[in-house]
C-alpha atoms as a PDB file:
ATOM      1  CA  MET A   1       0.057  -0.143   0.473  1.00  0.00           C
ATOM      2  CA  ASN A   2       2.691   1.871  -0.090  1.00  0.00           C
ATOM      3  CA  PRO A   3       3.737   3.573  -3.919  1.00  0.00           C
ATOM      4  CA  ASP A   4       7.209   3.038  -2.828  1.00  0.00           C
ATOM      5  CA  VAL A   5       7.048  -0.497  -3.031  1.00  0.00           C
ATOM      6  CA  PRO A   6       6.573  -2.077  -5.545  1.00  0.00           C
ATOM      7  CA  LEU A   7       4.196  -5.305  -5.666  1.00  0.00           C
ATOM      8  CA  ILE A   8       6.630  -7.886  -6.658  1.00  0.00           C
ATOM      9  CA  LEU A   9       5.275 -11.282  -9.402  1.00  0.00           C
ATOM     10  CA  PRO A  10       8.504 -13.230  -9.903  1.00  0.00           C
ATOM     11  CA  GLU A  11       7.014 -14.116 -13.397  1.00  0.00           C
ATOM     12  CA  ILE A  12       5.737 -10.161 -14.107  1.00  0.00           C
ATOM     13  CA  ASN A  13       8.940  -7.517 -12.226  1.00  0.00           C
ATOM     14  CA  GLY A  14      11.236  -9.825 -10.519  1.00  0.00           C
ATOM     15  CA  ASN A  15      13.311  -7.276 -11.649  1.00  0.00           C
ATOM     16  CA  ASP A  16      11.608  -4.511  -9.297  1.00  0.00           C
ATOM     17  CA  ALA A  17      12.970  -6.233  -6.251  1.00  0.00           C
ATOM     18  CA  LEU A  18      16.643  -5.444  -7.315  1.00  0.00           C
ATOM     19  CA  ASN A  19      16.405  -1.423  -6.967  1.00  0.00           C
ATOM     20  CA  PRO A  20      16.362   0.759  -4.917  1.00  0.00           C
ATOM     21  CA  PRO A  21      14.476   1.676  -2.199  1.00  0.00           C
ATOM     22  CA  CYS A  22      13.829  -1.410  -2.575  1.00  0.00           C
ATOM     23  CA  ASN A  23      13.850  -2.425   1.694  1.00  0.00           C
ATOM     24  CA  ILE A  24      10.637  -4.478   1.537  1.00  0.00           C
ATOM     25  CA  ILE A  25       8.541  -7.481  -1.197  1.00  0.00           C
ATOM     26  CA  ALA A  26       5.500  -7.566  -1.157  1.00  0.00           C
ATOM     27  CA  ASN A  27       3.673  -9.580  -3.184  1.00  0.00           C
ATOM     28  CA  PRO A  28      -0.608 -10.404  -3.698  1.00  0.00           C
ATOM     29  CA  ASN A  29      -2.514 -13.208  -2.022  1.00  0.00           C
ATOM     30  CA  CYS A  30      -3.181 -15.768  -4.069  1.00  0.00           C
ATOM     31  CA  SER A  31      -6.510 -14.616  -5.538  1.00  0.00           C
ATOM     32  CA  THR A  32      -4.572 -11.485  -6.809  1.00  0.00           C
ATOM     33  CA  ILE A  33      -1.501 -13.065  -8.688  1.00  0.00           C
ATOM     34  CA  VAL A  34      -3.304 -16.058 -10.347  1.00  0.00           C
ATOM     35  CA  THR A  35      -5.373 -13.289 -11.912  1.00  0.00           C
ATOM     36  CA  LEU A  36      -2.038 -10.997 -12.881  1.00  0.00           C
ATOM     37  CA  MET A  37      -0.579 -13.787 -14.663  1.00  0.00           C
ATOM     38  CA  GLY A  38      -3.079 -13.829 -17.017  1.00  0.00           C
ATOM     39  CA  LEU A  39      -3.646  -9.876 -17.448  1.00  0.00           C
ATOM     40  CA  ALA A  40       0.130  -9.353 -17.426  1.00  0.00           C
ATOM     41  CA  PRO A  41       0.550 -10.385 -21.546  1.00  0.00           C
ATOM     42  CA  LEU A  42      -2.746  -8.166 -21.878  1.00  0.00           C
ATOM     43  CA  HIS A  43      -1.705  -5.268 -20.227  1.00  0.00           C
ATOM     44  CA  GLN A  44       1.598  -5.529 -22.372  1.00  0.00           C
ATOM     45  CA  ALA A  45       0.017  -5.935 -25.632  1.00  0.00           C
ATOM     46  CA  PHE A  46      -2.775  -3.455 -25.528  1.00  0.00           C
ATOM     47  CA  GLY A  47      -1.998  -0.907 -21.787  1.00  0.00           C
ATOM     48  CA  LEU A  48      -4.652  -2.635 -20.038  1.00  0.00           C
ATOM     49  CA  LYS A  49      -5.403   0.333 -17.774  1.00  0.00           C
ATOM     50  CA  GLY A  50      -7.262  -1.385 -15.253  1.00  0.00           C
ATOM     51  CA  ILE A  51      -9.882  -4.418 -13.131  1.00  0.00           C
ATOM     52  CA  ILE A  52     -12.259  -4.193 -11.319  1.00  0.00           C
ATOM     53  CA  ALA A  53     -12.357  -7.584  -9.060  1.00  0.00           C
ATOM     54  CA  SER A  54     -14.531  -8.978  -6.125  1.00  0.00           C
ATOM     55  CA  THR A  55     -13.206 -11.745  -4.212  1.00  0.00           C
ATOM     56  CA  TYR A  56     -14.957 -13.183  -1.315  1.00  0.00           C
ATOM     57  CA  GLN A  57     -11.877 -14.228   1.578  1.00  0.00           C
ATOM     58  CA  ALA A  58     -12.826 -17.018   4.497  1.00  0.00           C
ATOM     59  CA  VAL A  59     -13.213 -15.129   7.920  1.00  0.00           C
ATOM     60  CA  SER A  60     -11.298 -18.121   9.091  1.00  0.00           C
ATOM     61  CA  GLY A  61      -8.547 -17.202   7.171  1.00  0.00           C
ATOM     62  CA  SER A  62      -7.984 -14.272   9.895  1.00  0.00           C
ATOM     63  CA  GLY A  63      -8.065 -17.998  13.119  1.00  0.00           C
ATOM     64  CA  ALA A  64     -10.296 -18.961  16.307  1.00  0.00           C
ATOM     65  CA  GLN A  65      -9.787 -15.068  17.018  1.00  0.00           C
ATOM     66  CA  GLY A  66     -11.641 -13.961  13.943  1.00  0.00           C
ATOM     67  CA  ILE A  67     -14.008 -17.091  13.787  1.00  0.00           C
ATOM     68  CA  ILE A  68     -15.312 -16.224  17.639  1.00  0.00           C
ATOM     69  CA  GLU A  69     -15.647 -12.275  17.431  1.00  0.00           C
ATOM     70  CA  LEU A  70     -17.834 -12.921  13.682  1.00  0.00           C
ATOM     71  CA  GLU A  71     -20.075 -14.840  16.146  1.00  0.00           C
ATOM     72  CA  GLU A  72     -19.984 -12.028  18.238  1.00  0.00           C
ATOM     73  CA  GLN A  73     -20.908  -9.944  15.368  1.00  0.00           C
ATOM     74  CA  ILE A  74     -23.634 -11.480  14.068  1.00  0.00           C
ATOM     75  CA  ARG A  75     -25.087 -12.187  17.506  1.00  0.00           C
ATOM     76  CA  ALA A  76     -25.045  -8.184  18.078  1.00  0.00           C
ATOM     77  CA  LEU A  77     -26.590  -7.356  14.985  1.00  0.00           C
ATOM     78  CA  VAL A  78     -29.190  -9.751  15.606  1.00  0.00           C
ATOM     79  CA  ALA A  79     -30.005  -8.050  18.744  1.00  0.00           C
ATOM     80  CA  GLY A  80     -29.602  -5.105  18.076  1.00  0.00           C
ATOM     81  CA  LYS A  81     -26.441  -4.354  20.323  1.00  0.00           C
ATOM     82  CA  PRO A  82     -23.252  -1.634  19.293  1.00  0.00           C
ATOM     83  CA  ASN A  83     -20.663  -3.720  17.997  1.00  0.00           C
ATOM     84  CA  LYS A  84     -17.439  -2.794  18.264  1.00  0.00           C
ATOM     85  CA  PRO A  85     -14.798  -5.223  15.408  1.00  0.00           C
ATOM     86  CA  LYS A  86     -11.592  -6.664  17.366  1.00  0.00           C
ATOM     87  CA  CYS A  87      -9.395  -7.800  15.515  1.00  0.00           C
ATOM     88  CA  LEU A  88     -11.768  -8.108  12.335  1.00  0.00           C
ATOM     89  CA  PRO A  89     -10.728  -4.849  10.522  1.00  0.00           C
ATOM     90  CA  SER A  90     -14.494  -3.809   9.394  1.00  0.00           C
ATOM     91  CA  PRO A  91     -17.320  -5.678   9.856  1.00  0.00           C
ATOM     92  CA  ASN A  92     -19.284  -6.380   6.311  1.00  0.00           C
ATOM     93  CA  CYS A  93     -22.510  -5.927   9.154  1.00  0.00           C
ATOM     94  CA  PRO A  94     -25.005  -3.241   7.490  1.00  0.00           C
END
């Protein structure tokens, strides 16, 4: 999320990891990396400007505390009570 730190996909721009000020290597998540492998040739051939993609990740990826917090959020939502997230950064409840 820092414009000075390139997002590295070894098969696409791996050499960017060797250029200063790159002392941190960021790589995309599993959904993004697969998508970008297909989009990179389209970008090179046609100058792809952007895409809109949506992924839906399981809360279990945040571990046991995430599952517990989701249950607490659902109970609070159903009961009409306020809820303050602890480990899940942004609840997806209305």
